[in-house]
Protein backbone atom coordinates (compact mmCIF):
# COMPACT_ATOMS: atom_id res chain seq x y z
CA MET A 1 15.51 11.19 -2.01
CA THR A 2 11.97 10.65 -0.82
CA VAL A 3 10.59 13.57 1.17
CA PRO A 4 8.61 12.52 4.25
CA THR A 5 5.08 13.89 4.02
CA HIS A 6 1.47 13.44 5.14
CA HIS A 7 0.60 12.64 1.52
CA PRO A 8 2.49 10.56 -1.04
CA GLY A 9 4.93 12.49 -3.17
CA ASP A 10 4.33 13.07 -6.84
CA THR A 11 6.83 10.34 -7.77
CA LEU A 12 4.89 7.74 -5.79
CA LEU A 13 1.59 8.74 -7.39
CA ILE A 14 3.13 8.79 -10.87
CA ASP A 15 4.56 5.30 -10.33
CA TYR A 16 1.13 4.10 -9.20
CA ALA A 17 -0.65 5.67 -12.18
CA GLY A 18 1.92 4.10 -14.50
CA GLY A 19 1.65 0.64 -12.92
CA ALA A 20 5.29 0.70 -11.83
CA LEU A 21 4.76 -0.16 -8.14
CA GLY A 22 4.96 -3.62 -6.64
CA GLU A 23 1.95 -5.26 -5.04
CA ALA A 24 2.59 -4.05 -1.49
CA ALA A 25 3.16 -0.42 -2.45
CA SER A 26 0.20 -0.48 -4.84
CA LEU A 27 -2.02 -1.76 -2.02
CA ILE A 28 -1.15 1.06 0.37
CA VAL A 29 -1.43 3.78 -2.30
CA ALA A 30 -4.80 2.43 -3.50
CA THR A 31 -6.05 2.36 0.10
CA HIS A 32 -4.83 5.92 0.63
CA LEU A 33 -6.59 7.07 -2.55
CA ALA A 34 -9.87 5.70 -1.18
CA LEU A 35 -9.45 8.11 1.75
CA CYS A 36 -8.00 11.12 -0.09
CA PRO A 37 -10.13 12.79 -2.82
CA CYS A 38 -7.31 15.22 -3.65
CA CYS A 39 -4.84 12.44 -4.46
CA ARG A 40 -7.52 10.53 -6.39
CA LEU A 41 -7.95 13.60 -8.59
CA ASN A 42 -4.19 13.88 -9.07
CA VAL A 43 -3.93 10.25 -10.16
CA ALA A 44 -6.88 10.62 -12.53
CA GLU A 45 -5.16 13.61 -14.15
CA MET A 46 -1.90 11.67 -14.45
CA GLU A 47 -3.71 8.75 -16.08
CA ALA A 48 -5.38 11.16 -18.51
CA VAL A 49 -2.01 12.65 -19.44
CA GLY A 50 -0.58 9.16 -19.89
CA GLY A 51 -3.48 8.21 -22.15
CA ALA A 52 -2.97 11.34 -24.24
CA LEU A 53 0.73 10.56 -24.60
CA LEU A 54 -0.06 7.02 -25.75
CA GLU A 55 -2.41 8.35 -28.40
CA SER A 56 0.33 10.62 -29.70
CA ILE A 57 2.76 7.74 -30.26
CA GLU A 58 3.07 6.63 -33.86
CA PRO A 59 1.63 3.11 -34.26
CA GLU A 60 3.93 0.29 -35.28
CA GLU A 61 3.21 -1.56 -38.49
CA VAL A 62 2.05 -5.14 -38.06
CA ASP A 63 1.61 -8.08 -40.38
CA PRO A 64 -1.71 -7.71 -42.27
CA ALA A 65 -2.45 -11.36 -41.48
CA CYS A 66 -2.38 -10.77 -37.69
CA LEU A 67 -6.11 -10.02 -37.43
CA GLU A 68 -7.10 -13.17 -39.30
CA THR A 69 -4.76 -15.26 -37.15
CA VAL A 70 -6.23 -13.90 -33.92
CA LEU A 71 -9.82 -14.36 -35.11
CA ALA A 72 -9.05 -17.94 -36.12
CA ARG A 73 -7.71 -18.68 -32.65
CA LEU A 74 -10.83 -17.18 -31.07
CA ASP A 75 -13.01 -19.48 -33.15
CA ASP A 76 -11.16 -22.47 -31.69
CA LEU A 77 -11.89 -21.48 -28.07
CA PRO A 78 -14.86 -23.11 -26.26
CA PRO A 79 -17.72 -20.72 -25.43
CA LEU A 80 -17.45 -19.02 -22.05
CA PRO A 81 -20.25 -19.56 -19.51
CA ARG A 82 -22.50 -16.53 -19.18
CA ALA A 83 -21.70 -14.71 -15.98
CA PRO A 84 -24.60 -13.46 -13.84
CA ARG A 85 -25.25 -9.73 -14.00
CA PRO A 86 -23.64 -8.01 -11.05
CA LYS A 87 -25.99 -6.61 -8.46
CA LEU A 88 -25.88 -2.83 -8.22
CA VAL A 89 -24.96 -1.75 -4.70
CA CYS A 90 -25.14 1.85 -3.53
CA GLN A 91 -21.93 2.83 -1.80
CA PRO A 92 -22.30 4.48 1.61
CA ALA A 93 -21.43 8.15 1.83
CA GLU A 94 -18.63 7.51 4.32
CA VAL A 95 -15.65 5.27 3.60
CA PRO A 96 -15.65 2.17 5.87
CA LEU A 97 -12.88 1.71 8.41
CA LEU A 98 -11.13 -0.61 5.96
CA PRO A 99 -11.43 0.80 2.41
CA GLU A 100 -12.22 -1.58 -0.44
CA PRO A 101 -8.65 -2.12 -1.74
CA LEU A 102 -7.60 -3.37 1.70
CA ARG A 103 -10.76 -5.41 2.36
CA ARG A 104 -9.94 -7.55 -0.67
CA TYR A 105 -6.88 -8.76 1.23
CA VAL A 106 -8.01 -8.91 4.87
CA GLY A 107 -11.82 -8.94 4.83
CA ASN A 108 -13.92 -6.64 6.96
CA ASP A 109 -13.64 -8.24 10.40
CA LEU A 110 -10.40 -7.35 12.17
CA SER A 111 -11.25 -9.61 15.11
CA ARG A 112 -10.97 -12.70 12.90
CA LEU A 113 -7.39 -11.99 11.85
CA PRO A 114 -4.57 -13.98 13.50
CA TRP A 115 -2.86 -11.01 15.16
CA LYS A 116 0.70 -11.51 16.40
CA ARG A 117 2.01 -9.78 19.52
CA LEU A 118 5.27 -7.90 18.89
CA MET A 119 5.42 -6.22 22.27
CA ARG A 120 2.98 -5.10 24.94
CA GLY A 121 0.35 -2.90 23.30
CA MET A 122 1.57 -3.53 19.73
CA ASP A 123 0.13 -6.28 17.52
CA CYS A 124 0.56 -6.96 13.82
CA TYR A 125 -0.92 -9.03 11.02
CA ASP A 126 1.21 -9.83 7.99
CA ILE A 127 -0.92 -9.50 4.86
CA PRO A 128 -0.45 -12.37 2.39
CA LEU A 129 0.47 -11.00 -1.02
CA GLY A 130 0.56 -12.70 -4.39
CA SER A 131 4.19 -13.63 -3.81
CA GLY A 132 3.53 -14.91 -0.28
CA SER A 133 4.63 -13.35 2.98
CA GLY A 134 8.08 -11.89 3.44
CA TYR A 135 10.28 -9.93 1.07
CA ASP A 136 10.39 -10.87 -2.59
CA SER A 137 13.32 -10.04 -4.89
CA GLU A 138 10.96 -8.94 -7.66
CA ARG A 139 8.07 -7.34 -5.80
CA ARG A 140 10.30 -5.92 -3.02
CA GLY A 141 7.65 -5.26 -0.47
CA LYS A 142 5.95 -6.44 2.69
CA ALA A 143 2.57 -5.24 3.96
CA ARG A 144 1.16 -5.55 7.45
CA LEU A 145 -1.54 -4.15 9.67
CA MET A 146 -0.28 -2.59 12.88
CA ARG A 147 -2.44 -2.08 15.98
CA LEU A 148 -0.97 0.14 18.70
CA ALA A 149 -2.41 0.99 22.09
CA SER A 150 -2.34 4.55 23.45
CA GLY A 151 1.22 5.81 23.96
CA VAL A 152 2.82 2.72 22.42
CA GLY A 153 5.23 2.64 19.51
CA PRO A 154 8.29 0.79 18.18
CA PRO A 155 11.78 1.80 19.34
CA HIS A 156 13.65 4.59 17.53
CA HIS A 157 14.65 3.39 14.09
CA THR A 158 15.71 4.38 10.63
CA HIS A 159 15.23 2.44 7.39
CA ARG A 160 17.23 0.22 5.10
CA GLY A 161 14.71 1.09 2.38
CA ILE A 162 11.36 2.88 2.18
CA GLU A 163 8.66 2.73 4.85
CA LEU A 164 5.09 3.77 3.98
CA THR A 165 2.61 4.08 6.85
CA LEU A 166 -1.08 4.84 6.30
CA VAL A 167 -3.32 5.64 9.28
CA LEU A 168 -6.65 3.80 9.12
CA ASP A 169 -7.98 4.77 12.56
CA GLY A 170 -6.79 6.92 15.43
CA GLY A 171 -3.39 8.47 14.84
CA PHE A 172 0.27 8.63 15.77
CA THR A 173 2.90 11.29 16.35
CA ASP A 174 6.61 11.15 15.56
CA ASP A 175 9.51 13.44 14.68
CA LEU A 176 7.81 14.27 11.36
CA GLY A 177 4.52 15.46 12.88
CA GLN A 178 1.04 14.20 13.75
CA PHE A 179 -0.71 11.73 11.43
CA ALA A 180 -4.47 11.05 11.44
CA ARG A 181 -6.84 8.84 9.41
CA GLY A 182 -5.97 8.95 5.71
CA ASP A 183 -2.51 10.47 6.20
CA LEU A 184 0.38 8.61 4.56
CA SER A 185 3.88 8.92 5.98
CA VAL A 186 6.81 8.32 3.65
CA ALA A 187 10.18 7.71 5.30
CA ASP A 188 13.57 6.59 4.00
CA ASP A 189 17.12 6.12 5.34
CA SER A 190 17.38 9.86 6.06
CA VAL A 191 14.62 9.65 8.67
CA ARG A 192 15.18 8.53 12.27
CA HIS A 193 11.97 8.47 14.26
CA ARG A 194 9.76 6.74 16.80
CA PRO A 195 6.05 6.75 15.92
CA VAL A 196 3.91 6.76 19.09
CA ALA A 197 0.17 6.12 19.05
CA ASP A 198 -2.06 9.00 20.12
CA GLU A 199 -4.42 8.80 23.07
CA GLU A 200 -7.10 6.94 21.10
CA GLY A 201 -4.59 4.35 19.83
CA CYS A 202 -3.73 3.72 16.20
CA LEU A 203 -4.54 1.23 13.46
CA CYS A 204 -2.34 1.57 10.40
CA LEU A 205 -1.22 -0.19 7.26
CA ALA A 206 2.56 -0.31 6.91
CA VAL A 207 4.61 -1.28 3.86
CA THR A 208 8.37 -1.71 3.84
CA ASP A 209 10.75 -2.89 1.13
CA ALA A 210 13.50 -3.84 3.61
CA PRO A 211 13.71 -4.53 7.35
CA LEU A 212 13.85 -1.58 9.74
CA HIS A 213 17.15 -0.61 11.37
CA PHE A 214 16.85 0.16 15.07
CA THR A 215 19.23 2.77 16.42
CA GLY A 216 21.00 3.28 19.73
CA ALA A 217 22.10 0.63 22.23
CA LEU A 218 18.83 -1.27 21.80
CA GLY A 219 19.54 -1.63 18.10
CA LEU A 220 22.65 -3.71 18.80
CA ILE A 221 20.37 -6.25 20.46
CA LEU A 222 17.37 -6.10 18.12
CA ASN A 223 18.82 -5.68 14.63
CA PRO A 224 20.19 -9.24 14.25
CA PHE A 225 16.65 -10.54 14.82
CA VAL A 226 14.67 -7.95 12.87
CA LYS A 227 12.67 -9.42 10.00
CA PHE A 228 10.15 -6.62 9.43
């Protein structure tokens, strides 16, 4: 069972270091790592351990002719155009509002995104992934930006799968605690909560692998129409 926390659990980081996460989950973990030096160090250590384990594995014997075959195929390929040398850019000391992993998907100007109104004070933008929008049977994930005004939040809900929520600006408070910029909330079907934006509002990146399940009387009305 996933333990809700302000930082991703070890299992989530291990899966990321091992390349076992889908595109949506990898996006939110990579964005979190840009904001959390401690977790970046943990992932670097995990990758170092993984590299050491790979070096300890006995190599498999291959056909002696494999090298000649590969080299012969390379000779048949047309020459690649010479790419221009990349320009060296000094990174600013502070991480931008949208860290680099996320900017690759949404750009750097939030005002240009086609935000969709879910309810008063709560807008969202579904991030196009490699498999397109919506849930994918292989990638099993959906990513979206959520923008909440002060005191606004979705109705009480639990989860049919896993919900990862990373605060990019402002913060929110729910039954699990208070979450600020860089904090990553991990919730599963054991968690019933209602995240509410703090006084300054909240901008967050949310990833789910199944639609939410709203609870209470309101859930009877909303759940048949829920697609996020």
